[in-house]
Amino acid sequence: MMGWRGRIGFLVPPGNPTVEPEMMQLAPQGVSLHFTRMVAHGTAGAHDGQEDRNRTQIAHLAENTALLAMVKPGVIVMAHTATSYTLGKDGEAAMVERMRREHGIPFITAFGSVLAALRHLGVERVAYATPYNQQVTARGKAHLESHGLQVVSHGMLPGVSNIYDETAERAYQLARQVDCPEAQAVFLSGVGMPTIAVLDLLERDLGKPVISSASAMMWNALRAIGLREPLRHGGCLPFGEDEREQEHAQEKHS
């Protein structure tokens, strides 16, 4: 049977070329991944029209989720961070609950997964980096702050013509650009800009956790289906609760 350890479903923006390969790179043995494209119109990955595309995805979310639910995944992930920024704190929470109630399947978002990861790591002060324009970046900063996080530094990737043309190397430079001593962790927002290939390097070079939307949503999805297997190339997020508690105990006694 496909997905003999579990199945994960992802709702993906229609032009996104990054989610499938990065999630396949992270998936452990025995976990099958299933993808449904959301509905949006206009130039995929462009800054112009992003808010309209987000709202179109929200308008069609129920029907897209119903299609993905047919493969009976153990969890459904909305793989688009900026849609959460459009929804806002209360709107996102209501949407998650509505999808869970209508389909009887746990439903999580990329952004909600980032929050879970930051809580898991005990992070309160974060450096926030995006490939978005100024407006969407500001909306994301406000969304983080509405959940009680302090955004001590933030920045945007310069010279973006299309988010889906960006590279992991540019994501690496962006993370280094926004990092500061006050930040306990760095958050790379968005699932269109590749990040997985550089997370381990960034954590070694910066000496702190580096969370991307992509790493957080796979980590959280595996938790949702009851697996605690470490992510490959997932930065600090391979740790389960028991392992991290053990590590902290060892640090206190060293």
Protein backbone atom coordinates (compact mmCIF):
# COMPACT_ATOMS: atom_id res chain seq x y z
CA MET A 1 0.00 0.00 0.00
CA MET A 2 1.28 3.47 -0.85
CA GLY A 3 1.95 5.46 2.27
CA TRP A 4 2.17 2.48 4.59
CA ARG A 5 3.48 4.76 7.34
CA GLY A 6 1.25 7.69 6.44
CA ARG A 7 -0.01 9.96 3.69
CA ILE A 8 0.39 13.73 3.53
CA GLY A 9 -1.62 15.96 1.22
CA PHE A 10 -0.42 19.38 0.06
CA LEU A 11 -2.43 22.24 -1.45
CA VAL A 12 0.01 24.01 -3.76
CA PRO A 13 -0.25 27.31 -5.66
CA PRO A 14 -0.72 26.59 -9.38
CA GLY A 15 2.62 27.89 -10.64
CA ASN A 16 4.83 26.77 -7.75
CA PRO A 17 7.71 24.52 -8.96
CA THR A 18 9.38 24.16 -5.55
CA VAL A 19 7.01 22.45 -3.11
CA GLU A 20 6.94 18.98 -4.68
CA PRO A 21 10.71 18.46 -5.05
CA GLU A 22 11.52 19.92 -1.63
CA MET A 23 8.87 17.84 0.14
CA MET A 24 10.05 14.71 -1.68
CA GLN A 25 13.57 15.51 -0.53
CA LEU A 26 12.39 15.64 3.10
CA ALA A 27 9.91 12.74 3.16
CA PRO A 28 10.98 9.65 5.12
CA GLN A 29 10.59 6.10 3.85
CA GLY A 30 7.03 4.81 3.81
CA VAL A 31 5.40 8.27 3.69
CA SER A 32 3.58 9.10 0.46
CA LEU A 33 3.00 12.66 -0.68
CA HIS A 34 -0.04 13.84 -2.64
CA PHE A 35 -0.49 17.24 -4.28
CA THR A 36 -3.46 19.26 -5.50
CA ARG A 37 -3.05 22.61 -7.24
CA MET A 38 -5.07 25.50 -5.87
CA VAL A 39 -6.91 27.94 -8.14
CA ALA A 40 -5.32 31.32 -8.90
CA HIS A 41 -5.09 33.52 -11.97
CA GLY A 42 -2.49 35.89 -13.33
CA THR A 43 1.29 35.62 -13.53
CA ALA A 44 2.39 32.96 -11.06
CA GLY A 45 5.21 34.04 -8.76
CA ALA A 46 5.01 37.74 -9.66
CA HIS A 47 4.77 40.42 -7.00
CA ASP A 48 2.04 42.18 -8.95
CA GLY A 49 -1.33 40.58 -8.30
CA GLN A 50 -0.17 38.41 -5.40
CA GLU A 51 -2.94 39.58 -3.07
CA ASP A 52 -5.59 38.87 -5.72
CA ARG A 53 -4.15 35.39 -6.29
CA ASN A 54 -4.19 34.74 -2.55
CA ARG A 55 -7.86 35.69 -2.33
CA THR A 56 -8.74 33.49 -5.31
CA GLN A 57 -7.01 30.55 -3.62
CA ILE A 58 -9.04 31.20 -0.47
CA ALA A 59 -12.29 31.38 -2.44
CA HIS A 60 -11.65 27.95 -4.01
CA LEU A 61 -10.00 26.32 -1.01
CA ALA A 62 -12.96 24.16 0.01
CA GLU A 63 -13.31 22.48 -3.40
CA ASN A 64 -9.55 21.94 -3.71
CA THR A 65 -9.43 20.43 -0.23
CA ALA A 66 -12.33 18.12 -1.08
CA LEU A 67 -10.41 16.79 -4.08
CA LEU A 68 -7.27 16.19 -2.06
CA ALA A 69 -9.25 14.50 0.73
CA MET A 70 -10.20 11.74 -1.73
CA VAL A 71 -6.76 10.14 -1.33
CA LYS A 72 -7.45 9.93 2.44
CA PRO A 73 -4.31 11.64 3.73
CA GLY A 74 -3.55 11.68 7.43
CA VAL A 75 -3.13 15.46 7.25
CA ILE A 76 -3.70 18.21 4.67
CA VAL A 77 -1.23 21.09 4.44
CA MET A 78 -1.97 24.46 2.86
CA ALA A 79 1.45 25.00 1.30
CA HIS A 80 1.37 28.76 0.89
CA THR A 81 2.56 31.11 3.60
CA ALA A 82 1.33 34.44 2.22
CA THR A 83 -2.27 33.24 2.09
CA SER A 84 -2.16 33.14 5.89
CA TYR A 85 -1.00 36.77 5.87
CA THR A 86 -4.04 37.67 3.75
CA LEU A 87 -6.39 35.81 6.11
CA GLY A 88 -4.99 37.29 9.32
CA LYS A 89 -4.88 35.59 12.71
CA ASP A 90 -8.63 35.05 13.23
CA GLY A 91 -9.34 34.31 9.57
CA GLU A 92 -6.63 31.66 9.41
CA ALA A 93 -7.82 29.97 12.60
CA ALA A 94 -11.42 29.91 11.33
CA MET A 95 -10.38 28.50 7.95
CA VAL A 96 -8.30 25.73 9.53
CA GLU A 97 -11.16 24.71 11.80
CA ARG A 98 -13.68 24.82 8.94
CA MET A 99 -11.56 22.58 6.69
CA ARG A 100 -10.92 20.14 9.54
CA ARG A 101 -14.61 19.97 10.42
CA GLU A 102 -15.84 19.60 6.84
CA HIS A 103 -13.43 16.81 5.87
CA GLY A 104 -12.64 15.08 9.15
CA ILE A 105 -8.90 15.32 8.41
CA PRO A 106 -6.33 17.38 10.36
CA PHE A 107 -5.63 20.59 8.43
CA ILE A 108 -2.52 22.71 8.95
CA THR A 109 -0.92 25.67 7.21
CA ALA A 110 2.66 26.51 6.35
CA PHE A 111 2.53 29.55 8.60
CA GLY A 112 0.88 27.66 11.46
CA SER A 113 3.68 25.12 11.15
CA VAL A 114 6.26 27.89 11.49
CA LEU A 115 4.56 29.06 14.68
CA ALA A 116 4.58 25.50 16.02
CA ALA A 117 8.28 25.14 15.19
CA LEU A 118 9.22 28.42 16.84
CA ARG A 119 7.24 27.49 19.95
CA HIS A 120 8.91 24.08 19.98
CA LEU A 121 12.32 25.76 19.96
CA GLY A 122 11.35 28.32 22.60
CA VAL A 123 11.89 31.23 20.21
CA GLU A 124 10.41 34.63 21.08
CA ARG A 125 12.63 36.95 19.01
CA VAL A 126 12.94 36.26 15.30
CA ALA A 127 14.64 37.69 12.23
CA TYR A 128 12.17 37.53 9.34
CA ALA A 129 13.17 37.28 5.67
CA THR A 130 10.99 37.22 2.56
CA PRO A 131 11.07 37.20 -1.24
CA TYR A 132 7.91 39.37 -1.26
CA ASN A 133 7.30 43.02 -1.93
CA GLN A 134 7.14 45.58 0.86
CA GLN A 135 3.38 45.33 1.37
CA VAL A 136 3.22 41.56 1.75
CA THR A 137 6.36 41.56 3.89
CA ALA A 138 4.77 44.10 6.25
CA ARG A 139 1.60 42.03 6.43
CA GLY A 140 3.63 38.97 7.38
CA LYS A 141 5.52 40.90 10.04
CA ALA A 142 2.23 42.03 11.56
CA HIS A 143 0.95 38.44 11.45
CA LEU A 144 3.99 37.20 13.37
CA GLU A 145 3.57 39.97 15.93
CA SER A 146 -0.14 39.20 16.34
CA HIS A 147 0.96 35.79 17.62
CA GLY A 148 3.22 37.35 20.25
CA LEU A 149 6.57 37.10 18.46
CA GLN A 150 9.07 39.95 18.43
CA VAL A 151 10.38 40.63 14.93
CA VAL A 152 13.75 42.13 15.80
CA SER A 153 14.95 42.33 12.19
CA HIS A 154 13.36 41.88 8.80
CA GLY A 155 14.26 42.25 5.16
CA MET A 156 13.31 41.47 1.58
CA LEU A 157 15.25 39.74 -1.15
CA PRO A 158 16.42 42.46 -3.56
CA GLY A 159 15.91 42.36 -7.30
CA VAL A 160 13.13 39.75 -7.44
CA SER A 161 11.52 39.51 -10.87
CA ASN A 162 9.62 36.30 -10.06
CA ILE A 163 9.71 34.37 -6.79
CA TYR A 164 9.68 31.04 -8.63
CA ASP A 165 12.93 31.92 -10.41
CA GLU A 166 14.82 32.37 -7.14
CA THR A 167 17.53 30.06 -5.85
CA ALA A 168 18.62 28.49 -2.58
CA GLU A 169 21.87 30.44 -2.82
CA ARG A 170 19.95 33.71 -2.79
CA ALA A 171 17.90 32.46 0.16
CA TYR A 172 21.17 31.80 2.00
CA GLN A 173 22.33 35.37 1.40
CA LEU A 174 18.97 36.76 2.48
CA ALA A 175 19.08 34.87 5.78
CA ARG A 176 22.54 36.23 6.51
CA GLN A 177 21.35 39.72 5.58
CA VAL A 178 18.52 39.78 8.14
CA ASP A 179 20.24 37.94 10.98
CA CYS A 180 21.22 39.95 14.03
CA PRO A 181 22.50 39.14 17.53
CA GLU A 182 19.10 39.82 19.12
CA ALA A 183 17.36 37.16 16.98
CA GLN A 184 17.05 33.72 18.53
CA ALA A 185 16.17 32.25 15.12
CA VAL A 186 15.81 33.22 11.47
CA PHE A 187 12.56 32.59 9.58
CA LEU A 188 12.63 32.36 5.78
CA SER A 189 9.04 32.94 4.66
CA GLY A 190 7.48 31.40 1.58
CA VAL A 191 7.50 28.03 -0.17
CA GLY A 192 8.29 29.27 -3.69
CA MET A 193 11.87 30.34 -2.98
CA PRO A 194 13.99 27.19 -2.46
CA THR A 195 15.44 26.88 1.05
CA ILE A 196 15.94 23.24 2.04
CA ALA A 197 19.37 22.89 0.43
CA VAL A 198 20.88 25.64 2.59
CA LEU A 199 19.25 25.24 6.02
CA ASP A 200 21.98 23.05 7.51
CA LEU A 201 24.67 25.39 6.16
CA LEU A 202 22.91 28.43 7.55
CA GLU A 203 22.54 26.93 11.00
CA ARG A 204 26.24 26.07 11.11
CA ASP A 205 27.25 29.51 9.85
CA LEU A 206 24.86 31.55 12.00
CA GLY A 207 24.94 29.36 15.10
CA LYS A 208 21.18 29.45 15.59
CA PRO A 209 17.98 27.79 14.27
CA VAL A 210 16.92 28.69 10.75
CA ILE A 211 13.30 27.80 9.95
CA SER A 212 11.75 27.96 6.51
CA SER A 213 8.09 27.57 5.66
CA ALA A 214 9.03 24.41 3.76
CA SER A 215 10.95 22.71 6.57
CA ALA A 216 8.35 23.68 9.16
CA MET A 217 5.36 22.36 7.22
CA MET A 218 6.93 18.93 6.60
CA TRP A 219 8.08 18.70 10.22
CA ASN A 220 4.60 19.60 11.45
CA ALA A 221 2.87 17.28 8.97
CA LEU A 222 4.96 14.34 10.18
CA ARG A 223 4.02 15.19 13.76
CA ALA A 224 0.35 15.30 12.72
CA ILE A 225 0.50 11.72 11.39
CA GLY A 226 2.31 10.49 14.47
CA LEU A 227 5.88 10.22 13.14
CA ARG A 228 8.97 11.56 14.91
CA GLU A 229 11.58 10.56 12.33
CA PRO A 230 14.21 13.27 11.76
CA LEU A 231 13.95 15.31 8.59
CA ARG A 232 16.76 15.03 6.12
CA HIS A 233 18.33 18.47 5.61
CA GLY A 234 15.74 20.00 7.92
CA GLY A 235 18.02 22.06 10.09
CA CYS A 236 17.24 21.96 13.81
CA LEU A 237 13.74 20.56 13.30
CA PRO A 238 14.70 16.86 13.29
CA PHE A 239 14.43 16.93 17.08
CA GLY A 240 11.28 15.49 18.65
CA GLU A 241 10.13 16.72 22.04
CA ASP A 242 11.82 13.95 24.03
CA GLU A 243 15.11 14.34 22.15
CA ARG A 244 15.19 18.11 22.67
CA GLU A 245 14.40 17.74 26.37
CA GLN A 246 17.28 15.28 26.65
CA GLU A 247 19.61 17.69 24.86
CA HIS A 248 18.67 20.54 27.18
CA ALA A 249 19.22 18.28 30.20
CA GLN A 250 22.67 17.37 28.91
CA GLU A 251 23.53 21.05 28.39
CA LYS A 252 22.52 21.89 31.99
CA HIS A 253 24.79 19.15 33.36
CA SER A 254 27.78 19.86 31.08
